[in-house]
Amino acid sequence: ILFFFKYGHFIAENWANIFGLVPASPDFWNQWLLPVGISFYTFQS
């Protein structure tokens, strides 16, 4: 959950750059907001 919402765009973009792939459309990632406090409550759990 943490990686998808917080690092999904970052991982997909770097993965595409490394292997010469077409990155996902920014519109796909823009529809997923970063949930407030997700880093804190996932670490606590």
ModelCIF file with pLDDT and N, C-alpha, C, O atoms, coordinates in Angstrom:
data_MODEL
#
_entry.id   MODEL 
#
_entity.id                         1 
_entity.type                       polymer 
_entity.pdbx_number_of_molecules   1 
#
_entity_poly.entity_id                      1 
_entity_poly.type                           'polypeptide(L)' 
_entity_poly.nstd_linkage                   no 
_entity_poly.nstd_monomer                   no 
_entity_poly.pdbx_seq_one_letter_code       ILFFFKYGHFIAENWANIFGLVPASPDFWNQWLLPVGISFYTFQS 
_entity_poly.pdbx_seq_one_letter_code_can   ILFFFKYGHFIAENWANIFGLVPASPDFWNQWLLPVGISFYTFQS 
_entity_poly.pdbx_strand_id                 A 
#
loop_
_entity_poly_seq.entity_id 
_entity_poly_seq.num 
_entity_poly_seq.mon_id 
_entity_poly_seq.hetero 
1 1  ILE n 
1 2  LEU n 
1 3  PHE n 
1 4  PHE n 
1 5  PHE n 
1 6  LYS n 
1 7  TYR n 
1 8  GLY n 
1 9  HIS n 
1 10 PHE n 
1 11 ILE n 
1 12 ALA n 
1 13 GLU n 
1 14 ASN n 
1 15 TRP n 
1 16 ALA n 
1 17 ASN n 
1 18 ILE n 
1 19 PHE n 
1 20 GLY n 
1 21 LEU n 
1 22 VAL n 
1 23 PRO n 
1 24 ALA n 
1 25 SER n 
1 26 PRO n 
1 27 ASP n 
1 28 PHE n 
1 29 TRP n 
1 30 ASN n 
1 31 GLN n 
1 32 TRP n 
1 33 LEU n 
1 34 LEU n 
1 35 PRO n 
1 36 VAL n 
1 37 GLY n 
1 38 ILE n 
1 39 SER n 
1 40 PHE n 
1 41 TYR n 
1 42 THR n 
1 43 PHE n 
1 44 GLN n 
1 45 SER n 
#
_struct_asym.id          A 
_struct_asym.entity_id   1 
#
loop_
_ma_qa_metric.id 
_ma_qa_metric.mode 
_ma_qa_metric.name 
_ma_qa_metric.software_group_id 
_ma_qa_metric.type 
1 global pLDDT . pLDDT 
2 local  pLDDT . pLDDT 
#
_ma_qa_metric_global.metric_id      1 
_ma_qa_metric_global.metric_value   71.76 
_ma_qa_metric_global.model_id       1 
_ma_qa_metric_global.ordinal_id     1 
#
loop_
_ma_qa_metric_local.label_asym_id 
_ma_qa_metric_local.label_comp_id 
_ma_qa_metric_local.label_seq_id 
_ma_qa_metric_local.metric_id 
_ma_qa_metric_local.metric_value 
_ma_qa_metric_local.model_id 
_ma_qa_metric_local.ordinal_id 
A ILE 1  2 88.00 1 1  
A LEU 2  2 88.00 1 2  
A PHE 3  2 85.00 1 3  
A PHE 4  2 84.00 1 4  
A PHE 5  2 83.00 1 5  
A LYS 6  2 82.00 1 6  
A TYR 7  2 77.00 1 7  
A GLY 8  2 74.00 1 8  
A HIS 9  2 75.00 1 9  
A PHE 10 2 71.00 1 10 
A ILE 11 2 71.00 1 11 
A ALA 12 2 69.00 1 12 
A GLU 13 2 69.00 1 13 
A ASN 14 2 69.00 1 14 
A TRP 15 2 67.00 1 15 
A ALA 16 2 62.00 1 16 
A ASN 17 2 64.00 1 17 
A ILE 18 2 65.00 1 18 
A PHE 19 2 60.00 1 19 
A GLY 20 2 59.00 1 20 
A LEU 21 2 58.00 1 21 
A VAL 22 2 54.00 1 22 
A PRO 23 2 56.00 1 23 
A ALA 24 2 55.00 1 24 
A SER 25 2 56.00 1 25 
A PRO 26 2 55.00 1 26 
A ASP 27 2 53.00 1 27 
A PHE 28 2 53.00 1 28 
A TRP 29 2 52.00 1 29 
A ASN 30 2 53.00 1 30 
A GLN 31 2 51.00 1 31 
A TRP 32 2 59.00 1 32 
A LEU 33 2 68.00 1 33 
A LEU 34 2 75.00 1 34 
A PRO 35 2 80.00 1 35 
A VAL 36 2 81.00 1 36 
A GLY 37 2 83.00 1 37 
A ILE 38 2 87.00 1 38 
A SER 39 2 87.00 1 39 
A PHE 40 2 90.00 1 40 
A TYR 41 2 91.00 1 41 
A THR 42 2 92.00 1 42 
A PHE 43 2 92.00 1 43 
A GLN 44 2 93.00 1 44 
A SER 45 2 93.00 1 45 
#
loop_
_atom_site.group_PDB 
_atom_site.id 
_atom_site.type_symbol 
_atom_site.label_atom_id 
_atom_site.label_alt_id 
_atom_site.label_comp_id 
_atom_site.label_asym_id 
_atom_site.label_entity_id 
_atom_site.label_seq_id 
_atom_site.pdbx_PDB_ins_code 
_atom_site.Cartn_x 
_atom_site.Cartn_y 
_atom_site.Cartn_z 
_atom_site.occupancy 
_atom_site.B_iso_or_equiv 
_atom_site.pdbx_formal_charge 
_atom_site.auth_seq_id 
_atom_site.auth_comp_id 
_atom_site.auth_asym_id 
_atom_site.auth_atom_id 
_atom_site.pdbx_PDB_model_num 
ATOM 1   N N  . ILE A 1 1  ? 0.837  -1.204 0.000   1.00 88.00 ? 1  ILE A N  1 
ATOM 2   C CA . ILE A 1 1  ? 0.000  0.000  0.000   1.00 88.00 ? 1  ILE A CA 1 
ATOM 3   C C  . ILE A 1 1  ? 0.871  1.252  0.000   1.00 88.00 ? 1  ILE A C  1 
ATOM 4   O O  . ILE A 1 1  ? 0.635  2.189  -0.764  1.00 88.00 ? 1  ILE A O  1 
ATOM 5   N N  . LEU A 1 2  ? 1.897  1.253  0.883   1.00 88.00 ? 2  LEU A N  1 
ATOM 6   C CA . LEU A 1 2  ? 2.783  2.413  0.973   1.00 88.00 ? 2  LEU A CA 1 
ATOM 7   C C  . LEU A 1 2  ? 3.513  2.653  -0.342  1.00 88.00 ? 2  LEU A C  1 
ATOM 8   O O  . LEU A 1 2  ? 3.596  3.788  -0.811  1.00 88.00 ? 2  LEU A O  1 
ATOM 9   N N  . PHE A 1 3  ? 4.042  1.584  -0.938  1.00 85.00 ? 3  PHE A N  1 
ATOM 10  C CA . PHE A 1 3  ? 4.813  1.732  -2.172  1.00 85.00 ? 3  PHE A CA 1 
ATOM 11  C C  . PHE A 1 3  ? 3.927  2.163  -3.331  1.00 85.00 ? 3  PHE A C  1 
ATOM 12  O O  . PHE A 1 3  ? 4.353  2.972  -4.156  1.00 85.00 ? 3  PHE A O  1 
ATOM 13  N N  . PHE A 1 4  ? 2.710  1.646  -3.415  1.00 84.00 ? 4  PHE A N  1 
ATOM 14  C CA . PHE A 1 4  ? 1.849  2.019  -4.539  1.00 84.00 ? 4  PHE A CA 1 
ATOM 15  C C  . PHE A 1 4  ? 1.500  3.501  -4.487  1.00 84.00 ? 4  PHE A C  1 
ATOM 16  O O  . PHE A 1 4  ? 1.659  4.215  -5.477  1.00 84.00 ? 4  PHE A O  1 
ATOM 17  N N  . PHE A 1 5  ? 1.029  3.960  -3.344  1.00 83.00 ? 5  PHE A N  1 
ATOM 18  C CA . PHE A 1 5  ? 0.555  5.340  -3.253  1.00 83.00 ? 5  PHE A CA 1 
ATOM 19  C C  . PHE A 1 5  ? 1.691  6.357  -3.175  1.00 83.00 ? 5  PHE A C  1 
ATOM 20  O O  . PHE A 1 5  ? 1.564  7.472  -3.682  1.00 83.00 ? 5  PHE A O  1 
ATOM 21  N N  . LYS A 1 6  ? 2.799  5.976  -2.541  1.00 82.00 ? 6  LYS A N  1 
ATOM 22  C CA . LYS A 1 6  ? 3.863  6.959  -2.331  1.00 82.00 ? 6  LYS A CA 1 
ATOM 23  C C  . LYS A 1 6  ? 4.984  6.855  -3.357  1.00 82.00 ? 6  LYS A C  1 
ATOM 24  O O  . LYS A 1 6  ? 5.591  7.862  -3.722  1.00 82.00 ? 6  LYS A O  1 
ATOM 25  N N  . TYR A 1 7  ? 5.262  5.626  -3.828  1.00 77.00 ? 7  TYR A N  1 
ATOM 26  C CA . TYR A 1 7  ? 6.423  5.445  -4.698  1.00 77.00 ? 7  TYR A CA 1 
ATOM 27  C C  . TYR A 1 7  ? 6.071  4.838  -6.061  1.00 77.00 ? 7  TYR A C  1 
ATOM 28  O O  . TYR A 1 7  ? 6.959  4.583  -6.874  1.00 77.00 ? 7  TYR A O  1 
ATOM 29  N N  . GLY A 1 8  ? 4.784  4.607  -6.309  1.00 74.00 ? 8  GLY A N  1 
ATOM 30  C CA . GLY A 1 8  ? 4.398  3.972  -7.567  1.00 74.00 ? 8  GLY A CA 1 
ATOM 31  C C  . GLY A 1 8  ? 4.882  4.727  -8.785  1.00 74.00 ? 8  GLY A C  1 
ATOM 32  O O  . GLY A 1 8  ? 5.491  4.146  -9.683  1.00 74.00 ? 8  GLY A O  1 
ATOM 33  N N  . HIS A 1 9  ? 4.611  6.028  -8.817  1.00 75.00 ? 9  HIS A N  1 
ATOM 34  C CA . HIS A 1 9  ? 5.018  6.846  -9.960  1.00 75.00 ? 9  HIS A CA 1 
ATOM 35  C C  . HIS A 1 9  ? 6.535  6.881  -10.082 1.00 75.00 ? 9  HIS A C  1 
ATOM 36  O O  . HIS A 1 9  ? 7.072  6.774  -11.184 1.00 75.00 ? 9  HIS A O  1 
ATOM 37  N N  . PHE A 1 10 ? 7.220  7.028  -8.974  1.00 71.00 ? 10 PHE A N  1 
ATOM 38  C CA . PHE A 1 10 ? 8.680  7.103  -8.952  1.00 71.00 ? 10 PHE A CA 1 
ATOM 39  C C  . PHE A 1 10 ? 9.309  5.810  -9.468  1.00 71.00 ? 10 PHE A C  1 
ATOM 40  O O  . PHE A 1 10 ? 10.230 5.846  -10.284 1.00 71.00 ? 10 PHE A O  1 
ATOM 41  N N  . ILE A 1 11 ? 8.808  4.665  -8.989  1.00 71.00 ? 11 ILE A N  1 
ATOM 42  C CA . ILE A 1 11 ? 9.353  3.373  -9.419  1.00 71.00 ? 11 ILE A CA 1 
ATOM 43  C C  . ILE A 1 11 ? 9.064  3.128  -10.893 1.00 71.00 ? 11 ILE A C  1 
ATOM 44  O O  . ILE A 1 11 ? 9.949  2.716  -11.643 1.00 71.00 ? 11 ILE A O  1 
ATOM 45  N N  . ALA A 1 12 ? 7.815  3.383  -11.311 1.00 69.00 ? 12 ALA A N  1 
ATOM 46  C CA . ALA A 1 12 ? 7.441  3.146  -12.713 1.00 69.00 ? 12 ALA A CA 1 
ATOM 47  C C  . ALA A 1 12 ? 8.253  4.023  -13.662 1.00 69.00 ? 12 ALA A C  1 
ATOM 48  O O  . ALA A 1 12 ? 8.677  3.571  -14.726 1.00 69.00 ? 12 ALA A O  1 
ATOM 49  N N  . GLU A 1 13 ? 8.462  5.262  -13.276 1.00 69.00 ? 13 GLU A N  1 
ATOM 50  C CA . GLU A 1 13 ? 9.208  6.190  -14.130 1.00 69.00 ? 13 GLU A CA 1 
ATOM 51  C C  . GLU A 1 13 ? 10.668 5.762  -14.275 1.00 69.00 ? 13 GLU A C  1 
ATOM 52  O O  . GLU A 1 13 ? 11.209 5.767  -15.381 1.00 69.00 ? 13 GLU A O  1 
ATOM 53  N N  . ASN A 1 14 ? 11.305 5.393  -13.163 1.00 69.00 ? 14 ASN A N  1 
ATOM 54  C CA . ASN A 1 14 ? 12.705 4.961  -13.220 1.00 69.00 ? 14 ASN A CA 1 
ATOM 55  C C  . ASN A 1 14 ? 12.845 3.617  -13.928 1.00 69.00 ? 14 ASN A C  1 
ATOM 56  O O  . ASN A 1 14 ? 13.809 3.394  -14.662 1.00 69.00 ? 14 ASN A O  1 
ATOM 57  N N  . TRP A 1 15 ? 11.886 2.728  -13.708 1.00 67.00 ? 15 TRP A N  1 
ATOM 58  C CA . TRP A 1 15 ? 11.894 1.431  -14.401 1.00 67.00 ? 15 TRP A CA 1 
ATOM 59  C C  . TRP A 1 15 ? 11.805 1.636  -15.914 1.00 67.00 ? 15 TRP A C  1 
ATOM 60  O O  . TRP A 1 15 ? 12.508 0.979  -16.682 1.00 67.00 ? 15 TRP A O  1 
ATOM 61  N N  . ALA A 1 16 ? 10.941 2.546  -16.326 1.00 62.00 ? 16 ALA A N  1 
ATOM 62  C CA . ALA A 1 16 ? 10.789 2.825  -17.758 1.00 62.00 ? 16 ALA A CA 1 
ATOM 63  C C  . ALA A 1 16 ? 12.061 3.430  -18.335 1.00 62.00 ? 16 ALA A C  1 
ATOM 64  O O  . ALA A 1 16 ? 12.455 3.092  -19.451 1.00 62.00 ? 16 ALA A O  1 
ATOM 65  N N  . ASN A 1 17 ? 12.703 4.317  -17.592 1.00 64.00 ? 17 ASN A N  1 
ATOM 66  C CA . ASN A 1 17 ? 13.938 4.942  -18.082 1.00 64.00 ? 17 ASN A CA 1 
ATOM 67  C C  . ASN A 1 17 ? 15.071 3.933  -18.210 1.00 64.00 ? 17 ASN A C  1 
ATOM 68  O O  . ASN A 1 17 ? 15.865 4.002  -19.148 1.00 64.00 ? 17 ASN A O  1 
ATOM 69  N N  . ILE A 1 18 ? 15.147 2.986  -17.258 1.00 65.00 ? 18 ILE A N  1 
ATOM 70  C CA . ILE A 1 18 ? 16.230 1.998  -17.278 1.00 65.00 ? 18 ILE A CA 1 
ATOM 71  C C  . ILE A 1 18 ? 16.080 1.047  -18.460 1.00 65.00 ? 18 ILE A C  1 
ATOM 72  O O  . ILE A 1 18 ? 17.064 0.723  -19.124 1.00 65.00 ? 18 ILE A O  1 
ATOM 73  N N  . PHE A 1 19 ? 14.860 0.598  -18.727 1.00 60.00 ? 19 PHE A N  1 
ATOM 74  C CA . PHE A 1 19 ? 14.645 -0.420 -19.753 1.00 60.00 ? 19 PHE A CA 1 
ATOM 75  C C  . PHE A 1 19 ? 14.081 0.153  -21.054 1.00 60.00 ? 19 PHE A C  1 
ATOM 76  O O  . PHE A 1 19 ? 13.699 -0.592 -21.957 1.00 60.00 ? 19 PHE A O  1 
ATOM 77  N N  . GLY A 1 20 ? 14.034 1.484  -21.139 1.00 59.00 ? 20 GLY A N  1 
ATOM 78  C CA . GLY A 1 20 ? 13.588 2.108  -22.370 1.00 59.00 ? 20 GLY A CA 1 
ATOM 79  C C  . GLY A 1 20 ? 12.130 1.871  -22.688 1.00 59.00 ? 20 GLY A C  1 
ATOM 80  O O  . GLY A 1 20 ? 11.750 1.789  -23.856 1.00 59.00 ? 20 GLY A O  1 
ATOM 81  N N  . LEU A 1 21 ? 11.314 1.759  -21.662 1.00 58.00 ? 21 LEU A N  1 
ATOM 82  C CA . LEU A 1 21 ? 9.890  1.522  -21.851 1.00 58.00 ? 21 LEU A CA 1 
ATOM 83  C C  . LEU A 1 21 ? 9.132  2.840  -21.887 1.00 58.00 ? 21 LEU A C  1 
ATOM 84  O O  . LEU A 1 21 ? 9.661  3.887  -21.513 1.00 58.00 ? 21 LEU A O  1 
ATOM 85  N N  . VAL A 1 22 ? 7.905  2.776  -22.335 1.00 54.00 ? 22 VAL A N  1 
ATOM 86  C CA . VAL A 1 22 ? 7.036  3.952  -22.343 1.00 54.00 ? 22 VAL A CA 1 
ATOM 87  C C  . VAL A 1 22 ? 6.402  4.078  -20.966 1.00 54.00 ? 22 VAL A C  1 
ATOM 88  O O  . VAL A 1 22 ? 5.665  3.183  -20.551 1.00 54.00 ? 22 VAL A O  1 
ATOM 89  N N  . PRO A 1 23 ? 6.670  5.172  -20.240 1.00 56.00 ? 23 PRO A N  1 
ATOM 90  C CA . PRO A 1 23 ? 6.098  5.301  -18.886 1.00 56.00 ? 23 PRO A CA 1 
ATOM 91  C C  . PRO A 1 23 ? 4.588  5.447  -18.924 1.00 56.00 ? 23 PRO A C  1 
ATOM 92  O O  . PRO A 1 23 ? 4.012  5.879  -19.923 1.00 56.00 ? 23 PRO A O  1 
ATOM 93  N N  . ALA A 1 24 ? 3.964  5.082  -17.825 1.00 55.00 ? 24 ALA A N  1 
ATOM 94  C CA . ALA A 1 24 ? 2.510  5.228  -17.719 1.00 55.00 ? 24 ALA A CA 1 
ATOM 95  C C  . ALA A 1 24 ? 2.110  6.685  -17.823 1.00 55.00 ? 24 ALA A C  1 
ATOM 96  O O  . ALA A 1 24 ? 2.873  7.580  -17.457 1.00 55.00 ? 24 ALA A O  1 
ATOM 97  N N  . SER A 1 25 ? 0.924  6.913  -18.318 1.00 56.00 ? 25 SER A N  1 
ATOM 98  C CA . SER A 1 25 ? 0.435  8.274  -18.466 1.00 56.00 ? 25 SER A CA 1 
ATOM 99  C C  . SER A 1 25 ? 0.368  8.976  -17.111 1.00 56.00 ? 25 SER A C  1 
ATOM 100 O O  . SER A 1 25 ? -0.062 8.374  -16.127 1.00 56.00 ? 25 SER A O  1 
ATOM 101 N N  . PRO A 1 26 ? 0.795  10.263 -17.048 1.00 55.00 ? 26 PRO A N  1 
ATOM 102 C CA . PRO A 1 26 ? 0.695  11.004 -15.781 1.00 55.00 ? 26 PRO A CA 1 
ATOM 103 C C  . PRO A 1 26 ? -0.731 11.045 -15.236 1.00 55.00 ? 26 PRO A C  1 
ATOM 104 O O  . PRO A 1 26 ? -0.940 11.126 -14.025 1.00 55.00 ? 26 PRO A O  1 
ATOM 105 N N  . ASP A 1 27 ? -1.715 10.987 -16.145 1.00 53.00 ? 27 ASP A N  1 
ATOM 106 C CA . ASP A 1 27 ? -3.107 11.013 -15.693 1.00 53.00 ? 27 ASP A CA 1 
ATOM 107 C C  . ASP A 1 27 ? -3.444 9.799  -14.825 1.00 53.00 ? 27 ASP A C  1 
ATOM 108 O O  . ASP A 1 27 ? -4.286 9.872  -13.929 1.00 53.00 ? 27 ASP A O  1 
ATOM 109 N N  . PHE A 1 28 ? -2.756 8.661  -15.116 1.00 53.00 ? 28 PHE A N  1 
ATOM 110 C CA . PHE A 1 28 ? -3.012 7.466  -14.319 1.00 53.00 ? 28 PHE A CA 1 
ATOM 111 C C  . PHE A 1 28 ? -2.594 7.677  -12.877 1.00 53.00 ? 28 PHE A C  1 
ATOM 112 O O  . PHE A 1 28 ? -3.318 7.299  -11.956 1.00 53.00 ? 28 PHE A O  1 
ATOM 113 N N  . TRP A 1 29 ? -1.407 8.291  -12.671 1.00 52.00 ? 29 TRP A N  1 
ATOM 114 C CA . TRP A 1 29 ? -0.897 8.483  -11.314 1.00 52.00 ? 29 TRP A CA 1 
ATOM 115 C C  . TRP A 1 29 ? -1.537 9.682  -10.631 1.00 52.00 ? 29 TRP A C  1 
ATOM 116 O O  . TRP A 1 29 ? -1.666 9.705  -9.407  1.00 52.00 ? 29 TRP A O  1 
ATOM 117 N N  . ASN A 1 30 ? -1.938 10.679 -11.415 1.00 53.00 ? 30 ASN A N  1 
ATOM 118 C CA . ASN A 1 30 ? -2.537 11.874 -10.808 1.00 53.00 ? 30 ASN A CA 1 
ATOM 119 C C  . ASN A 1 30 ? -3.879 11.586 -10.139 1.00 53.00 ? 30 ASN A C  1 
ATOM 120 O O  . ASN A 1 30 ? -4.320 12.334 -9.266  1.00 53.00 ? 30 ASN A O  1 
ATOM 121 N N  . GLN A 1 31 ? -4.530 10.484 -10.562 1.00 51.00 ? 31 GLN A N  1 
ATOM 122 C CA . GLN A 1 31 ? -5.830 10.172 -9.946  1.00 51.00 ? 31 GLN A CA 1 
ATOM 123 C C  . GLN A 1 31 ? -5.663 9.574  -8.551  1.00 51.00 ? 31 GLN A C  1 
ATOM 124 O O  . GLN A 1 31 ? -6.628 9.485  -7.792  1.00 51.00 ? 31 GLN A O  1 
ATOM 125 N N  . TRP A 1 32 ? -4.416 9.156  -8.208  1.00 59.00 ? 32 TRP A N  1 
ATOM 126 C CA . TRP A 1 32 ? -4.156 8.589  -6.887  1.00 59.00 ? 32 TRP A CA 1 
ATOM 127 C C  . TRP A 1 32 ? -3.452 9.619  -6.032  1.00 59.00 ? 32 TRP A C  1 
ATOM 128 O O  . TRP A 1 32 ? -2.261 9.873  -6.213  1.00 59.00 ? 32 TRP A O  1 
ATOM 129 N N  . LEU A 1 33 ? -4.180 10.214 -5.101  1.00 68.00 ? 33 LEU A N  1 
ATOM 130 C CA . LEU A 1 33 ? -3.581 11.181 -4.191  1.00 68.00 ? 33 LEU A CA 1 
ATOM 131 C C  . LEU A 1 33 ? -2.733 10.457 -3.159  1.00 68.00 ? 33 LEU A C  1 
ATOM 132 O O  . LEU A 1 33 ? -2.965 9.286  -2.859  1.00 68.00 ? 33 LEU A O  1 
ATOM 133 N N  . LEU A 1 34 ? -1.746 11.166 -2.617  1.00 75.00 ? 34 LEU A N  1 
ATOM 134 C CA . LEU A 1 34 ? -0.943 10.600 -1.543  1.00 75.00 ? 34 LEU A CA 1 
ATOM 135 C C  . LEU A 1 34 ? -1.737 10.700 -0.243  1.00 75.00 ? 34 LEU A C  1 
ATOM 136 O O  . LEU A 1 34 ? -1.981 11.809 0.232   1.00 75.00 ? 34 LEU A O  1 
ATOM 137 N N  . PRO A 1 35 ? -2.149 9.577  0.345   1.00 80.00 ? 35 PRO A N  1 
ATOM 138 C CA . PRO A 1 35 ? -2.935 9.634  1.588   1.00 80.00 ? 35 PRO A CA 1 
ATOM 139 C C  . PRO A 1 35 ? -2.144 10.295 2.716   1.00 80.00 ? 35 PRO A C  1 
ATOM 140 O O  . PRO A 1 35 ? -0.998 9.928  2.977   1.00 80.00 ? 35 PRO A O  1 
ATOM 141 N N  . VAL A 1 36 ? -2.750 11.249 3.366   1.00 81.00 ? 36 VAL A N  1 
ATOM 142 C CA . VAL A 1 36 ? -2.098 11.955 4.457   1.00 81.00 ? 36 VAL A CA 1 
ATOM 143 C C  . VAL A 1 36 ? -1.765 10.983 5.583   1.00 81.00 ? 36 VAL A C  1 
ATOM 144 O O  . VAL A 1 36 ? -2.604 10.180 5.991   1.00 81.00 ? 36 VAL A O  1 
ATOM 145 N N  . GLY A 1 37 ? -0.525 11.063 6.085   1.00 83.00 ? 37 GLY A N  1 
ATOM 146 C CA . GLY A 1 37 ? -0.112 10.264 7.232   1.00 83.00 ? 37 GLY A CA 1 
ATOM 147 C C  . GLY A 1 37 ? 0.171  8.811  6.933   1.00 83.00 ? 37 GLY A C  1 
ATOM 148 O O  . GLY A 1 37 ? 0.384  8.032  7.862   1.00 83.00 ? 37 GLY A O  1 
ATOM 149 N N  . ILE A 1 38 ? 0.183  8.406  5.650   1.00 87.00 ? 38 ILE A N  1 
ATOM 150 C CA . ILE A 1 38 ? 0.344  6.988  5.325   1.00 87.00 ? 38 ILE A CA 1 
ATOM 151 C C  . ILE A 1 38 ? 1.688  6.447  5.790   1.00 87.00 ? 38 ILE A C  1 
ATOM 152 O O  . ILE A 1 38 ? 1.780  5.285  6.184   1.00 87.00 ? 38 ILE A O  1 
ATOM 153 N N  . SER A 1 39 ? 2.738  7.277  5.750   1.00 87.00 ? 39 SER A N  1 
ATOM 154 C CA . SER A 1 39 ? 4.055  6.822  6.199   1.00 87.00 ? 39 SER A CA 1 
ATOM 155 C C  . SER A 1 39 ? 4.076  6.551  7.689   1.00 87.00 ? 39 SER A C  1 
ATOM 156 O O  . SER A 1 39 ? 4.812  5.682  8.156   1.00 87.00 ? 39 SER A O  1 
ATOM 157 N N  . PHE A 1 40 ? 3.273  7.289  8.435   1.00 90.00 ? 40 PHE A N  1 
ATOM 158 C CA . PHE A 1 40 ? 3.274  7.140  9.885   1.00 90.00 ? 40 PHE A CA 1 
ATOM 159 C C  . PHE A 1 40 ? 2.452  5.927  10.326  1.00 90.00 ? 40 PHE A C  1 
ATOM 160 O O  . PHE A 1 40 ? 2.929  5.106  11.109  1.00 90.00 ? 40 PHE A O  1 
ATOM 161 N N  . TYR A 1 41 ? 1.215  5.813  9.824   1.00 91.00 ? 41 TYR A N  1 
ATOM 162 C CA . TYR A 1 41 ? 0.396  4.723  10.349  1.00 91.00 ? 41 TYR A CA 1 
ATOM 163 C C  . TYR A 1 41 ? 0.837  3.362  9.811   1.00 91.00 ? 41 TYR A C  1 
ATOM 164 O O  . TYR A 1 41 ? 0.637  2.357  10.493  1.00 91.00 ? 41 TYR A O  1 
ATOM 165 N N  . THR A 1 42 ? 1.428  3.286  8.615   1.00 92.00 ? 42 THR A N  1 
ATOM 166 C CA . THR A 1 42 ? 1.943  1.996  8.140   1.00 92.00 ? 42 THR A CA 1 
ATOM 167 C C  . THR A 1 42 ? 3.160  1.568  8.961   1.00 92.00 ? 42 THR A C  1 
ATOM 168 O O  . THR A 1 42 ? 3.302  0.388  9.279   1.00 92.00 ? 42 THR A O  1 
ATOM 169 N N  . PHE A 1 43 ? 4.032  2.504  9.307   1.00 92.00 ? 43 PHE A N  1 
ATOM 170 C CA . PHE A 1 43 ? 5.192  2.172  10.138  1.00 92.00 ? 43 PHE A CA 1 
ATOM 171 C C  . PHE A 1 43 ? 4.750  1.716  11.529  1.00 92.00 ? 43 PHE A C  1 
ATOM 172 O O  . PHE A 1 43 ? 5.333  0.792  12.096  1.00 92.00 ? 43 PHE A O  1 
ATOM 173 N N  . GLN A 1 44 ? 3.730  2.357  12.072  1.00 93.00 ? 44 GLN A N  1 
ATOM 174 C CA . GLN A 1 44 ? 3.237  1.949  13.390  1.00 93.00 ? 44 GLN A CA 1 
ATOM 175 C C  . GLN A 1 44 ? 2.660  0.536  13.340  1.00 93.00 ? 44 GLN A C  1 
ATOM 176 O O  . GLN A 1 44 ? 2.902  -0.269 14.239  1.00 93.00 ? 44 GLN A O  1 
ATOM 177 N N  . SER A 1 45 ? 1.902  0.239  12.293  1.00 93.00 ? 45 SER A N  1 
ATOM 178 C CA . SER A 1 45 ? 1.296  -1.083 12.176  1.00 93.00 ? 45 SER A CA 1 
ATOM 179 C C  . SER A 1 45 ? 2.357  -2.151 11.946  1.00 93.00 ? 45 SER A C  1 
ATOM 180 O O  . SER A 1 45 ? 2.029  -3.331 11.823  1.00 93.00 ? 45 SER A O  1 
#
